[in-house]
Amino acid sequence: MPPVIGKKDEDLSSDEKYEEESFRTKQLFLFAWQIAKGMNHLAENSLVHRDLASRNVLVGHDNQIKVSDFGLMRQIYEDVSSSAKSKKLPVKWMAPESLYQGLYTTKSDVWSFGVVLWEMATLGGVPYPALANSELYRLLDTGYRMERPDIYELMTDCWKEELRSRPSFFQLIERLEVIMQRDAPYLDLNKHNEGHPYYNVPPEASGD
């Protein structure tokens, strides 16, 4: 049963609340799986995104997901800070090695994917909501991580300090599929497979 449109939470029966929560959870896992598929496509082609965040994820017709990069949008997003070269950096989505060493790899994209999972699990919450970027620089180096929503284990695996300990996007796809098929064994994953390109970037940005 789909979520009941037009009713407030307090007006829903317990069964309706359960069905609505179940619908949302399954949909979010499906989105996460598609993002992981798109990022795995980049990784297989030796490409590093460097700015994976929910703001760069498009939801199209029939819940088809596309990972995109809106380069100029970084300038107006509130949770960025400037480097010494005045480049805008999405600090709250960046892996420690990117912050401290300027190192960007597929595994730094995996870290960002963990933050995207957090954004999805909190239905659009701002990462590290109580922290300024300057505080985050210091705390990440001490092992600090965000608080614990659902699917926290998957997120924390994306946030391992050692790059080799982070899962690949292929492994993330497999783990998401296990969770999704366990909760909805008849979910048609082929419906959301690679019929459309996942990664859209303006031609002028392709040389970054």
N, C-alpha and C. Protein backbone atom coordinates (compact mmCIF):
# COMPACT_ATOMS: atom_id res chain seq x y z
N MET A 1 0.85 -1.19 0.00
CA MET A 1 0.00 0.00 0.00
C MET A 1 0.88 1.23 0.00
N PRO A 2 0.62 2.20 -0.92
CA PRO A 2 1.45 3.41 -0.97
C PRO A 2 1.18 4.29 0.23
N PRO A 3 2.06 5.26 0.47
CA PRO A 3 1.82 6.17 1.58
C PRO A 3 0.51 6.91 1.40
N VAL A 4 -0.16 7.24 2.47
CA VAL A 4 -1.46 7.89 2.41
C VAL A 4 -1.23 9.38 2.25
N ILE A 5 -1.61 9.92 1.10
CA ILE A 5 -1.39 11.32 0.79
C ILE A 5 -2.50 12.15 1.42
N GLY A 6 -2.13 13.29 2.00
CA GLY A 6 -3.13 14.20 2.53
C GLY A 6 -3.46 13.98 3.99
N LYS A 7 -2.84 13.00 4.64
CA LYS A 7 -3.05 12.77 6.05
C LYS A 7 -1.79 13.13 6.83
N LYS A 8 -1.97 13.73 7.99
CA LYS A 8 -0.85 13.99 8.88
C LYS A 8 -0.50 12.72 9.64
N ASP A 9 0.72 12.64 10.16
CA ASP A 9 1.18 11.45 10.86
C ASP A 9 0.25 11.06 11.99
N GLU A 10 -0.26 12.08 12.73
CA GLU A 10 -1.11 11.75 13.87
C GLU A 10 -2.47 11.20 13.46
N ASP A 11 -2.84 11.39 12.16
CA ASP A 11 -4.13 10.89 11.67
C ASP A 11 -4.03 9.49 11.11
N LEU A 12 -2.81 8.96 10.97
CA LEU A 12 -2.63 7.65 10.39
C LEU A 12 -2.83 6.56 11.43
N SER A 13 -3.39 5.43 10.98
CA SER A 13 -3.47 4.27 11.87
C SER A 13 -2.08 3.67 12.00
N SER A 14 -1.91 2.77 12.96
CA SER A 14 -0.59 2.14 13.15
C SER A 14 -0.18 1.35 11.92
N ASP A 15 -1.14 0.69 11.26
CA ASP A 15 -0.82 -0.07 10.04
C ASP A 15 -0.39 0.86 8.92
N GLU A 16 -1.09 2.02 8.80
CA GLU A 16 -0.74 2.97 7.75
C GLU A 16 0.64 3.57 7.99
N LYS A 17 0.96 3.87 9.26
CA LYS A 17 2.28 4.40 9.58
C LYS A 17 3.37 3.40 9.24
N TYR A 18 3.13 2.12 9.54
CA TYR A 18 4.11 1.08 9.24
C TYR A 18 4.32 0.97 7.73
N GLU A 19 3.21 0.98 6.97
CA GLU A 19 3.32 0.84 5.52
C GLU A 19 4.03 2.04 4.92
N GLU A 20 3.74 3.26 5.45
CA GLU A 20 4.37 4.45 4.92
C GLU A 20 5.87 4.43 5.20
N GLU A 21 6.26 4.06 6.42
CA GLU A 21 7.67 3.99 6.78
C GLU A 21 8.38 2.93 5.95
N SER A 22 7.71 1.79 5.73
CA SER A 22 8.29 0.71 4.93
C SER A 22 8.50 1.17 3.50
N PHE A 23 7.52 1.91 2.96
CA PHE A 23 7.64 2.43 1.59
C PHE A 23 8.84 3.37 1.48
N ARG A 24 8.96 4.29 2.44
CA ARG A 24 10.06 5.23 2.40
C ARG A 24 11.41 4.52 2.49
N THR A 25 11.51 3.56 3.39
CA THR A 25 12.77 2.84 3.58
C THR A 25 13.19 2.11 2.32
N LYS A 26 12.25 1.39 1.70
CA LYS A 26 12.56 0.64 0.48
C LYS A 26 12.96 1.58 -0.64
N GLN A 27 12.27 2.73 -0.74
CA GLN A 27 12.59 3.69 -1.79
C GLN A 27 13.98 4.27 -1.59
N LEU A 28 14.34 4.59 -0.34
CA LEU A 28 15.65 5.15 -0.07
C LEU A 28 16.76 4.14 -0.38
N PHE A 29 16.53 2.87 -0.04
CA PHE A 29 17.52 1.85 -0.38
C PHE A 29 17.67 1.72 -1.89
N LEU A 30 16.55 1.82 -2.61
CA LEU A 30 16.60 1.74 -4.06
C LEU A 30 17.40 2.91 -4.63
N PHE A 31 17.19 4.11 -4.08
CA PHE A 31 17.98 5.26 -4.51
C PHE A 31 19.46 5.04 -4.24
N ALA A 32 19.78 4.56 -3.02
CA ALA A 32 21.18 4.34 -2.66
C ALA A 32 21.83 3.33 -3.59
N TRP A 33 21.10 2.28 -3.92
CA TRP A 33 21.62 1.24 -4.81
C TRP A 33 21.93 1.81 -6.19
N GLN A 34 21.03 2.66 -6.71
CA GLN A 34 21.26 3.25 -8.03
C GLN A 34 22.46 4.21 -8.01
N ILE A 35 22.60 4.98 -6.93
CA ILE A 35 23.76 5.88 -6.82
C ILE A 35 25.05 5.06 -6.81
N ALA A 36 25.05 3.97 -6.04
CA ALA A 36 26.23 3.11 -5.98
C ALA A 36 26.53 2.52 -7.36
N LYS A 37 25.48 2.15 -8.11
CA LYS A 37 25.70 1.63 -9.47
C LYS A 37 26.34 2.69 -10.36
N GLY A 38 25.84 3.93 -10.27
CA GLY A 38 26.42 5.00 -11.08
C GLY A 38 27.86 5.28 -10.72
N MET A 39 28.15 5.29 -9.40
CA MET A 39 29.51 5.56 -8.97
C MET A 39 30.45 4.41 -9.33
N ASN A 40 29.93 3.19 -9.31
CA ASN A 40 30.75 2.05 -9.72
C ASN A 40 31.10 2.15 -11.21
N HIS A 41 30.16 2.67 -11.99
CA HIS A 41 30.43 2.89 -13.42
C HIS A 41 31.60 3.87 -13.59
N LEU A 42 31.61 4.93 -12.79
CA LEU A 42 32.74 5.87 -12.85
C LEU A 42 34.04 5.19 -12.44
N ALA A 43 33.98 4.43 -11.34
CA ALA A 43 35.18 3.77 -10.83
C ALA A 43 35.75 2.80 -11.85
N GLU A 44 34.87 2.08 -12.52
CA GLU A 44 35.32 1.12 -13.54
C GLU A 44 35.99 1.82 -14.73
N ASN A 45 35.67 3.10 -14.90
CA ASN A 45 36.27 3.87 -15.98
C ASN A 45 37.36 4.82 -15.48
N SER A 46 37.87 4.52 -14.26
CA SER A 46 38.98 5.28 -13.67
C SER A 46 38.66 6.76 -13.54
N LEU A 47 37.41 7.06 -13.20
CA LEU A 47 36.99 8.44 -12.99
C LEU A 47 36.66 8.67 -11.52
N VAL A 48 37.03 9.83 -11.02
CA VAL A 48 36.75 10.21 -9.63
C VAL A 48 35.82 11.42 -9.66
N HIS A 49 34.72 11.34 -8.94
CA HIS A 49 33.72 12.41 -8.98
C HIS A 49 34.19 13.65 -8.21
N ARG A 50 34.62 13.46 -6.97
CA ARG A 50 35.16 14.50 -6.10
C ARG A 50 34.12 15.42 -5.46
N ASP A 51 32.84 15.29 -5.85
CA ASP A 51 31.82 16.14 -5.23
C ASP A 51 30.49 15.39 -5.15
N LEU A 52 30.54 14.14 -4.71
CA LEU A 52 29.30 13.37 -4.56
C LEU A 52 28.55 13.87 -3.33
N ALA A 53 27.32 14.30 -3.53
CA ALA A 53 26.45 14.78 -2.46
C ALA A 53 25.02 14.69 -2.97
N SER A 54 24.06 14.72 -2.07
CA SER A 54 22.67 14.57 -2.51
C SER A 54 22.25 15.69 -3.45
N ARG A 55 22.87 16.88 -3.31
CA ARG A 55 22.53 17.99 -4.21
C ARG A 55 22.93 17.70 -5.65
N ASN A 56 23.81 16.74 -5.86
CA ASN A 56 24.26 16.37 -7.20
C ASN A 56 23.64 15.06 -7.67
N VAL A 57 22.50 14.70 -7.09
CA VAL A 57 21.78 13.50 -7.49
C VAL A 57 20.41 13.91 -8.01
N LEU A 58 20.09 13.51 -9.23
CA LEU A 58 18.80 13.82 -9.85
C LEU A 58 17.87 12.62 -9.77
N VAL A 59 16.61 12.88 -9.47
CA VAL A 59 15.58 11.83 -9.48
C VAL A 59 14.69 12.10 -10.68
N GLY A 60 14.70 11.16 -11.65
CA GLY A 60 13.95 11.35 -12.87
C GLY A 60 12.67 10.55 -12.91
N HIS A 61 12.16 10.36 -14.11
CA HIS A 61 10.93 9.63 -14.32
C HIS A 61 11.02 8.22 -13.76
N ASP A 62 9.97 7.78 -13.10
CA ASP A 62 9.90 6.42 -12.56
C ASP A 62 11.02 6.15 -11.56
N ASN A 63 11.42 7.20 -10.83
CA ASN A 63 12.44 7.08 -9.78
C ASN A 63 13.79 6.62 -10.31
N GLN A 64 14.10 6.96 -11.56
CA GLN A 64 15.42 6.68 -12.10
C GLN A 64 16.40 7.73 -11.58
N ILE A 65 17.54 7.29 -11.07
CA ILE A 65 18.53 8.17 -10.47
C ILE A 65 19.67 8.45 -11.45
N LYS A 66 20.11 9.70 -11.47
CA LYS A 66 21.31 10.07 -12.23
C LYS A 66 22.23 10.87 -11.33
N VAL A 67 23.50 10.50 -11.32
CA VAL A 67 24.52 11.24 -10.58
C VAL A 67 25.06 12.33 -11.50
N SER A 68 25.05 13.56 -11.03
CA SER A 68 25.47 14.69 -11.85
C SER A 68 26.47 15.55 -11.10
N ASP A 69 27.03 16.52 -11.80
CA ASP A 69 27.98 17.44 -11.17
C ASP A 69 27.66 18.85 -11.67
N PHE A 70 27.06 19.65 -10.80
CA PHE A 70 26.74 21.03 -11.17
C PHE A 70 27.86 21.93 -10.65
N GLY A 71 28.90 22.08 -11.45
CA GLY A 71 30.10 22.77 -10.98
C GLY A 71 29.85 24.15 -10.41
N LEU A 72 29.06 24.98 -11.07
CA LEU A 72 28.84 26.34 -10.59
C LEU A 72 27.97 26.37 -9.35
N MET A 73 27.20 25.33 -9.11
CA MET A 73 26.33 25.31 -7.94
C MET A 73 27.12 25.28 -6.65
N ARG A 74 28.34 24.85 -6.69
CA ARG A 74 29.15 24.79 -5.47
C ARG A 74 29.32 26.19 -4.86
N GLN A 75 29.30 27.19 -5.70
CA GLN A 75 29.56 28.55 -5.23
C GLN A 75 28.43 29.09 -4.35
N ILE A 76 27.24 28.53 -4.49
CA ILE A 76 26.11 29.09 -3.74
C ILE A 76 25.64 28.16 -2.65
N TYR A 77 26.27 27.00 -2.50
CA TYR A 77 25.82 26.08 -1.47
C TYR A 77 26.36 26.53 -0.11
N GLU A 78 25.52 26.50 0.93
CA GLU A 78 25.90 27.12 2.20
C GLU A 78 26.96 26.35 2.97
N ASP A 79 27.12 25.06 2.71
CA ASP A 79 28.06 24.28 3.51
C ASP A 79 29.35 24.02 2.75
N VAL A 80 29.98 25.07 2.26
CA VAL A 80 31.29 24.95 1.62
C VAL A 80 32.22 25.95 2.29
N SER A 81 33.49 25.69 2.16
CA SER A 81 34.45 26.68 2.65
C SER A 81 35.53 26.87 1.60
N SER A 82 36.27 27.93 1.71
CA SER A 82 37.27 28.27 0.70
C SER A 82 38.64 27.75 1.08
N SER A 83 39.36 27.23 0.11
CA SER A 83 40.75 26.83 0.34
C SER A 83 41.63 28.05 0.15
N ALA A 84 42.95 27.85 0.30
CA ALA A 84 43.88 28.97 0.14
C ALA A 84 43.85 29.52 -1.28
N LYS A 85 43.43 28.69 -2.24
CA LYS A 85 43.37 29.12 -3.63
C LYS A 85 41.98 29.64 -3.99
N SER A 86 41.13 29.86 -2.96
CA SER A 86 39.79 30.41 -3.14
C SER A 86 38.87 29.48 -3.91
N LYS A 87 39.19 28.22 -3.95
CA LYS A 87 38.28 27.25 -4.55
C LYS A 87 37.28 26.81 -3.49
N LYS A 88 36.03 26.62 -3.92
CA LYS A 88 35.00 26.19 -3.00
C LYS A 88 35.11 24.69 -2.77
N LEU A 89 35.14 24.29 -1.50
CA LEU A 89 35.28 22.88 -1.15
C LEU A 89 34.06 22.42 -0.34
N PRO A 90 33.47 21.27 -0.72
CA PRO A 90 32.34 20.72 0.04
C PRO A 90 32.84 19.97 1.27
N VAL A 91 33.33 20.70 2.26
CA VAL A 91 34.08 20.12 3.37
C VAL A 91 33.33 18.98 4.05
N LYS A 92 32.05 19.14 4.29
CA LYS A 92 31.31 18.15 5.08
C LYS A 92 31.05 16.85 4.33
N TRP A 93 31.40 16.81 3.06
CA TRP A 93 31.27 15.57 2.28
C TRP A 93 32.63 14.97 1.94
N MET A 94 33.71 15.60 2.37
CA MET A 94 35.05 15.20 1.94
C MET A 94 35.70 14.23 2.91
N ALA A 95 36.45 13.28 2.35
CA ALA A 95 37.21 12.33 3.15
C ALA A 95 38.41 13.03 3.79
N PRO A 96 38.91 12.50 4.92
CA PRO A 96 40.06 13.14 5.58
C PRO A 96 41.27 13.30 4.66
N GLU A 97 41.55 12.29 3.84
CA GLU A 97 42.73 12.41 2.98
C GLU A 97 42.56 13.51 1.94
N SER A 98 41.31 13.80 1.55
CA SER A 98 41.05 14.91 0.63
C SER A 98 41.20 16.25 1.34
N LEU A 99 40.71 16.31 2.58
CA LEU A 99 40.81 17.54 3.36
C LEU A 99 42.25 17.89 3.71
N TYR A 100 43.00 16.88 4.18
CA TYR A 100 44.32 17.15 4.75
C TYR A 100 45.45 17.03 3.73
N GLN A 101 45.24 16.17 2.70
CA GLN A 101 46.33 15.91 1.76
C GLN A 101 45.98 16.29 0.32
N GLY A 102 44.74 16.71 0.06
CA GLY A 102 44.35 17.00 -1.32
C GLY A 102 44.30 15.76 -2.19
N LEU A 103 44.09 14.57 -1.57
CA LEU A 103 44.09 13.30 -2.29
C LEU A 103 42.65 12.89 -2.60
N TYR A 104 42.35 12.71 -3.88
CA TYR A 104 41.02 12.30 -4.32
C TYR A 104 41.13 10.97 -5.07
N THR A 105 40.41 9.96 -4.60
CA THR A 105 40.39 8.64 -5.24
C THR A 105 38.96 8.12 -5.23
N THR A 106 38.76 6.95 -5.81
CA THR A 106 37.45 6.30 -5.72
C THR A 106 37.06 6.09 -4.26
N LYS A 107 38.04 5.80 -3.40
CA LYS A 107 37.74 5.57 -2.00
C LYS A 107 37.34 6.87 -1.28
N SER A 108 37.79 8.02 -1.77
CA SER A 108 37.28 9.27 -1.21
C SER A 108 35.85 9.51 -1.68
N ASP A 109 35.51 9.04 -2.88
CA ASP A 109 34.12 9.07 -3.33
C ASP A 109 33.25 8.15 -2.46
N VAL A 110 33.81 7.02 -2.04
CA VAL A 110 33.08 6.10 -1.16
C VAL A 110 32.75 6.80 0.16
N TRP A 111 33.70 7.55 0.70
CA TRP A 111 33.44 8.32 1.93
C TRP A 111 32.25 9.26 1.71
N SER A 112 32.27 9.98 0.58
CA SER A 112 31.18 10.91 0.27
C SER A 112 29.85 10.17 0.14
N PHE A 113 29.89 8.96 -0.41
CA PHE A 113 28.68 8.15 -0.53
C PHE A 113 28.11 7.86 0.86
N GLY A 114 28.98 7.61 1.83
CA GLY A 114 28.52 7.40 3.20
C GLY A 114 27.78 8.61 3.73
N VAL A 115 28.26 9.82 3.38
CA VAL A 115 27.57 11.04 3.81
C VAL A 115 26.22 11.16 3.10
N VAL A 116 26.18 10.78 1.82
CA VAL A 116 24.90 10.79 1.09
C VAL A 116 23.90 9.83 1.75
N LEU A 117 24.37 8.67 2.18
CA LEU A 117 23.49 7.74 2.91
C LEU A 117 22.93 8.41 4.16
N TRP A 118 23.77 9.16 4.86
CA TRP A 118 23.33 9.86 6.06
C TRP A 118 22.27 10.89 5.71
N GLU A 119 22.50 11.64 4.62
CA GLU A 119 21.51 12.63 4.18
C GLU A 119 20.18 11.96 3.87
N MET A 120 20.22 10.80 3.23
CA MET A 120 19.00 10.09 2.87
C MET A 120 18.29 9.53 4.11
N ALA A 121 19.08 8.94 5.01
CA ALA A 121 18.49 8.33 6.20
C ALA A 121 17.84 9.36 7.11
N THR A 122 18.34 10.60 7.07
CA THR A 122 17.78 11.67 7.90
C THR A 122 16.82 12.55 7.09
N LEU A 123 16.46 12.06 5.88
CA LEU A 123 15.51 12.77 5.01
C LEU A 123 15.94 14.22 4.77
N GLY A 124 17.20 14.37 4.37
CA GLY A 124 17.69 15.68 3.98
C GLY A 124 18.37 16.46 5.08
N GLY A 125 18.77 15.78 6.15
CA GLY A 125 19.47 16.49 7.21
C GLY A 125 20.82 17.01 6.75
N VAL A 126 21.28 18.10 7.37
CA VAL A 126 22.58 18.67 7.04
C VAL A 126 23.66 17.88 7.78
N PRO A 127 24.68 17.39 7.08
CA PRO A 127 25.75 16.64 7.76
C PRO A 127 26.43 17.48 8.84
N TYR A 128 26.77 16.84 9.95
CA TYR A 128 27.43 17.51 11.08
C TYR A 128 26.72 18.84 11.40
N PRO A 129 25.42 18.79 11.70
CA PRO A 129 24.63 20.03 11.78
C PRO A 129 25.11 21.02 12.82
N ALA A 130 25.73 20.56 13.89
CA ALA A 130 26.13 21.47 14.97
C ALA A 130 27.56 21.98 14.83
N LEU A 131 28.25 21.57 13.76
CA LEU A 131 29.67 21.88 13.65
C LEU A 131 29.96 22.85 12.52
N ALA A 132 30.85 23.80 12.80
CA ALA A 132 31.39 24.64 11.74
C ALA A 132 32.48 23.86 11.02
N ASN A 133 32.79 24.29 9.80
CA ASN A 133 33.81 23.57 9.02
C ASN A 133 35.15 23.55 9.74
N SER A 134 35.50 24.65 10.42
CA SER A 134 36.78 24.69 11.13
C SER A 134 36.83 23.66 12.26
N GLU A 135 35.70 23.44 12.94
CA GLU A 135 35.64 22.43 13.99
C GLU A 135 35.75 21.03 13.40
N LEU A 136 35.12 20.85 12.24
CA LEU A 136 35.12 19.54 11.60
C LEU A 136 36.53 19.11 11.21
N TYR A 137 37.33 20.04 10.70
CA TYR A 137 38.72 19.74 10.36
C TYR A 137 39.42 19.07 11.54
N ARG A 138 39.25 19.65 12.72
CA ARG A 138 39.93 19.15 13.92
C ARG A 138 39.35 17.83 14.39
N LEU A 139 38.01 17.71 14.41
CA LEU A 139 37.37 16.53 14.99
C LEU A 139 37.54 15.28 14.14
N LEU A 140 37.50 15.43 12.81
CA LEU A 140 37.68 14.25 11.95
C LEU A 140 39.02 13.58 12.21
N ASP A 141 40.02 14.38 12.49
CA ASP A 141 41.36 13.85 12.72
C ASP A 141 41.44 13.07 14.04
N THR A 142 40.46 13.27 14.93
CA THR A 142 40.43 12.54 16.20
C THR A 142 39.58 11.28 16.12
N GLY A 143 39.00 11.00 14.93
CA GLY A 143 38.16 9.82 14.77
C GLY A 143 36.68 10.10 14.93
N TYR A 144 36.29 11.36 15.07
CA TYR A 144 34.88 11.71 15.24
C TYR A 144 34.10 11.38 13.97
N ARG A 145 32.89 10.84 14.16
CA ARG A 145 31.99 10.56 13.05
C ARG A 145 30.58 11.02 13.42
N MET A 146 29.71 11.10 12.44
CA MET A 146 28.35 11.57 12.69
C MET A 146 27.56 10.59 13.55
N GLU A 147 26.44 11.11 14.10
CA GLU A 147 25.60 10.28 14.95
C GLU A 147 24.94 9.17 14.16
N ARG A 148 24.30 8.26 14.87
CA ARG A 148 23.91 6.96 14.35
C ARG A 148 22.45 6.91 13.89
N PRO A 149 22.20 7.10 12.56
CA PRO A 149 20.86 6.80 12.04
C PRO A 149 20.79 5.34 11.60
N ASP A 150 19.71 4.97 10.91
CA ASP A 150 19.63 3.61 10.35
C ASP A 150 20.74 3.43 9.31
N ILE A 151 21.01 2.17 8.95
CA ILE A 151 22.07 1.75 8.03
C ILE A 151 23.42 2.35 8.40
N TYR A 152 23.62 2.56 9.71
CA TYR A 152 24.85 3.20 10.17
C TYR A 152 26.08 2.36 9.86
N GLU A 153 25.94 1.04 9.93
CA GLU A 153 27.11 0.17 9.67
C GLU A 153 27.63 0.36 8.25
N LEU A 154 26.70 0.50 7.31
CA LEU A 154 27.11 0.71 5.93
C LEU A 154 27.83 2.05 5.79
N MET A 155 27.32 3.07 6.47
CA MET A 155 27.96 4.39 6.41
C MET A 155 29.36 4.36 7.02
N THR A 156 29.47 3.77 8.22
CA THR A 156 30.77 3.78 8.90
C THR A 156 31.81 2.99 8.14
N ASP A 157 31.39 1.97 7.39
CA ASP A 157 32.34 1.26 6.54
C ASP A 157 32.87 2.18 5.44
N CYS A 158 32.01 3.08 4.97
CA CYS A 158 32.45 4.06 3.96
C CYS A 158 33.41 5.08 4.57
N TRP A 159 33.36 5.23 5.90
CA TRP A 159 34.16 6.26 6.58
C TRP A 159 35.38 5.68 7.29
N LYS A 160 35.84 4.50 6.89
CA LYS A 160 37.05 3.93 7.49
C LYS A 160 38.25 4.85 7.22
N GLU A 161 39.11 4.99 8.22
CA GLU A 161 40.28 5.85 8.07
C GLU A 161 41.23 5.31 7.00
N GLU A 162 41.43 3.99 7.00
CA GLU A 162 42.32 3.35 6.03
C GLU A 162 41.57 3.17 4.70
N LEU A 163 42.10 3.72 3.63
CA LEU A 163 41.42 3.68 2.34
C LEU A 163 41.11 2.26 1.89
N ARG A 164 42.06 1.34 2.12
CA ARG A 164 41.87 -0.03 1.66
C ARG A 164 40.77 -0.75 2.43
N SER A 165 40.40 -0.21 3.61
CA SER A 165 39.35 -0.83 4.41
C SER A 165 37.94 -0.42 3.97
N ARG A 166 37.85 0.65 3.17
CA ARG A 166 36.54 1.06 2.68
C ARG A 166 36.08 0.11 1.58
N PRO A 167 34.78 -0.19 1.52
CA PRO A 167 34.29 -1.08 0.46
C PRO A 167 34.37 -0.41 -0.90
N SER A 168 34.38 -1.22 -1.93
CA SER A 168 34.27 -0.69 -3.29
C SER A 168 32.79 -0.40 -3.57
N PHE A 169 32.52 0.35 -4.63
CA PHE A 169 31.13 0.58 -4.99
C PHE A 169 30.45 -0.73 -5.40
N PHE A 170 31.21 -1.63 -6.01
CA PHE A 170 30.64 -2.94 -6.37
C PHE A 170 30.19 -3.68 -5.11
N GLN A 171 31.02 -3.65 -4.06
CA GLN A 171 30.64 -4.30 -2.80
C GLN A 171 29.44 -3.62 -2.16
N LEU A 172 29.37 -2.28 -2.27
CA LEU A 172 28.21 -1.56 -1.74
C LEU A 172 26.93 -1.95 -2.46
N ILE A 173 27.03 -2.11 -3.78
CA ILE A 173 25.87 -2.55 -4.56
C ILE A 173 25.38 -3.91 -4.05
N GLU A 174 26.32 -4.85 -3.86
CA GLU A 174 25.95 -6.19 -3.40
C GLU A 174 25.28 -6.14 -2.03
N ARG A 175 25.82 -5.34 -1.11
CA ARG A 175 25.26 -5.27 0.24
C ARG A 175 23.87 -4.62 0.23
N LEU A 176 23.70 -3.58 -0.59
CA LEU A 176 22.40 -2.94 -0.70
C LEU A 176 21.37 -3.90 -1.30
N GLU A 177 21.79 -4.69 -2.28
CA GLU A 177 20.88 -5.65 -2.89
C GLU A 177 20.43 -6.70 -1.88
N VAL A 178 21.35 -7.15 -1.02
CA VAL A 178 20.99 -8.13 0.02
C VAL A 178 19.93 -7.54 0.95
N ILE A 179 20.15 -6.29 1.38
CA ILE A 179 19.19 -5.64 2.28
C ILE A 179 17.84 -5.47 1.59
N MET A 180 17.88 -5.00 0.34
CA MET A 180 16.63 -4.72 -0.38
C MET A 180 15.85 -5.99 -0.67
N GLN A 181 16.55 -7.05 -1.09
CA GLN A 181 15.86 -8.30 -1.41
C GLN A 181 15.35 -8.99 -0.15
N ARG A 182 16.03 -8.76 0.98
CA ARG A 182 15.56 -9.32 2.24
C ARG A 182 14.25 -8.68 2.65
N ASP A 183 14.17 -7.36 2.47
CA ASP A 183 12.97 -6.63 2.89
C ASP A 183 11.86 -6.66 1.84
N ALA A 184 12.25 -6.81 0.58
CA ALA A 184 11.26 -6.85 -0.51
C ALA A 184 11.75 -7.84 -1.56
N PRO A 185 11.55 -9.14 -1.34
CA PRO A 185 12.17 -10.17 -2.19
C PRO A 185 11.74 -10.13 -3.65
N TYR A 186 10.63 -9.45 -3.96
CA TYR A 186 10.18 -9.43 -5.34
C TYR A 186 10.45 -8.09 -6.02
N LEU A 187 11.31 -7.26 -5.40
CA LEU A 187 11.66 -5.98 -5.99
C LEU A 187 12.40 -6.21 -7.30
N ASP A 188 11.95 -5.54 -8.36
CA ASP A 188 12.54 -5.71 -9.68
C ASP A 188 13.70 -4.74 -9.85
N LEU A 189 14.93 -5.22 -9.57
CA LEU A 189 16.10 -4.36 -9.69
C LEU A 189 16.45 -4.08 -11.15
N ASN A 190 16.07 -4.97 -12.06
CA ASN A 190 16.39 -4.77 -13.47
C ASN A 190 15.69 -3.53 -14.03
N LYS A 191 14.56 -3.16 -13.41
CA LYS A 191 13.82 -2.00 -13.85
C LYS A 191 14.64 -0.73 -13.72
N HIS A 192 15.59 -0.73 -12.77
CA HIS A 192 16.40 0.45 -12.51
C HIS A 192 17.86 0.21 -12.91
N ASN A 193 18.07 -0.67 -13.87
CA ASN A 193 19.44 -0.97 -14.27
C ASN A 193 19.94 0.05 -15.27
N GLU A 194 20.97 -0.28 -16.02
CA GLU A 194 21.69 0.72 -16.79
C GLU A 194 21.07 1.04 -18.14
N GLY A 195 19.77 1.37 -18.15
CA GLY A 195 19.15 1.76 -19.39
C GLY A 195 19.47 3.19 -19.78
N HIS A 196 19.88 3.99 -18.80
CA HIS A 196 20.19 5.40 -19.05
C HIS A 196 21.54 5.73 -18.41
N PRO A 197 22.25 6.71 -18.96
CA PRO A 197 23.52 7.10 -18.34
C PRO A 197 23.29 7.65 -16.95
N TYR A 198 24.16 7.28 -16.01
CA TYR A 198 24.03 7.74 -14.64
C TYR A 198 24.74 9.07 -14.42
N TYR A 199 25.72 9.34 -15.24
CA TYR A 199 26.61 10.47 -14.95
C TYR A 199 26.47 11.52 -16.04
N ASN A 200 25.89 12.64 -15.69
CA ASN A 200 25.73 13.73 -16.66
C ASN A 200 26.55 14.91 -16.17
N VAL A 201 27.43 15.38 -17.02
CA VAL A 201 28.26 16.53 -16.64
C VAL A 201 28.37 17.43 -17.85
N PRO A 202 28.24 18.74 -17.67
CA PRO A 202 28.35 19.65 -18.81
C PRO A 202 29.69 19.47 -19.51
N PRO A 203 29.72 19.57 -20.86
CA PRO A 203 30.96 19.35 -21.61
C PRO A 203 32.11 20.21 -21.13
N GLU A 204 31.81 21.46 -20.72
CA GLU A 204 32.91 22.34 -20.32
C GLU A 204 33.55 21.91 -19.01
N ALA A 205 32.82 21.05 -18.21
CA ALA A 205 33.37 20.61 -16.93
C ALA A 205 34.12 19.30 -17.05
N SER A 206 34.07 18.67 -18.21
CA SER A 206 34.63 17.32 -18.35
C SER A 206 36.14 17.31 -18.27
N GLY A 207 36.78 18.45 -18.41
CA GLY A 207 38.24 18.49 -18.39
C GLY A 207 38.81 18.71 -17.01
N ASP A 208 37.93 18.78 -15.95
CA ASP A 208 38.43 19.02 -14.59
C ASP A 208 39.31 17.90 -14.09
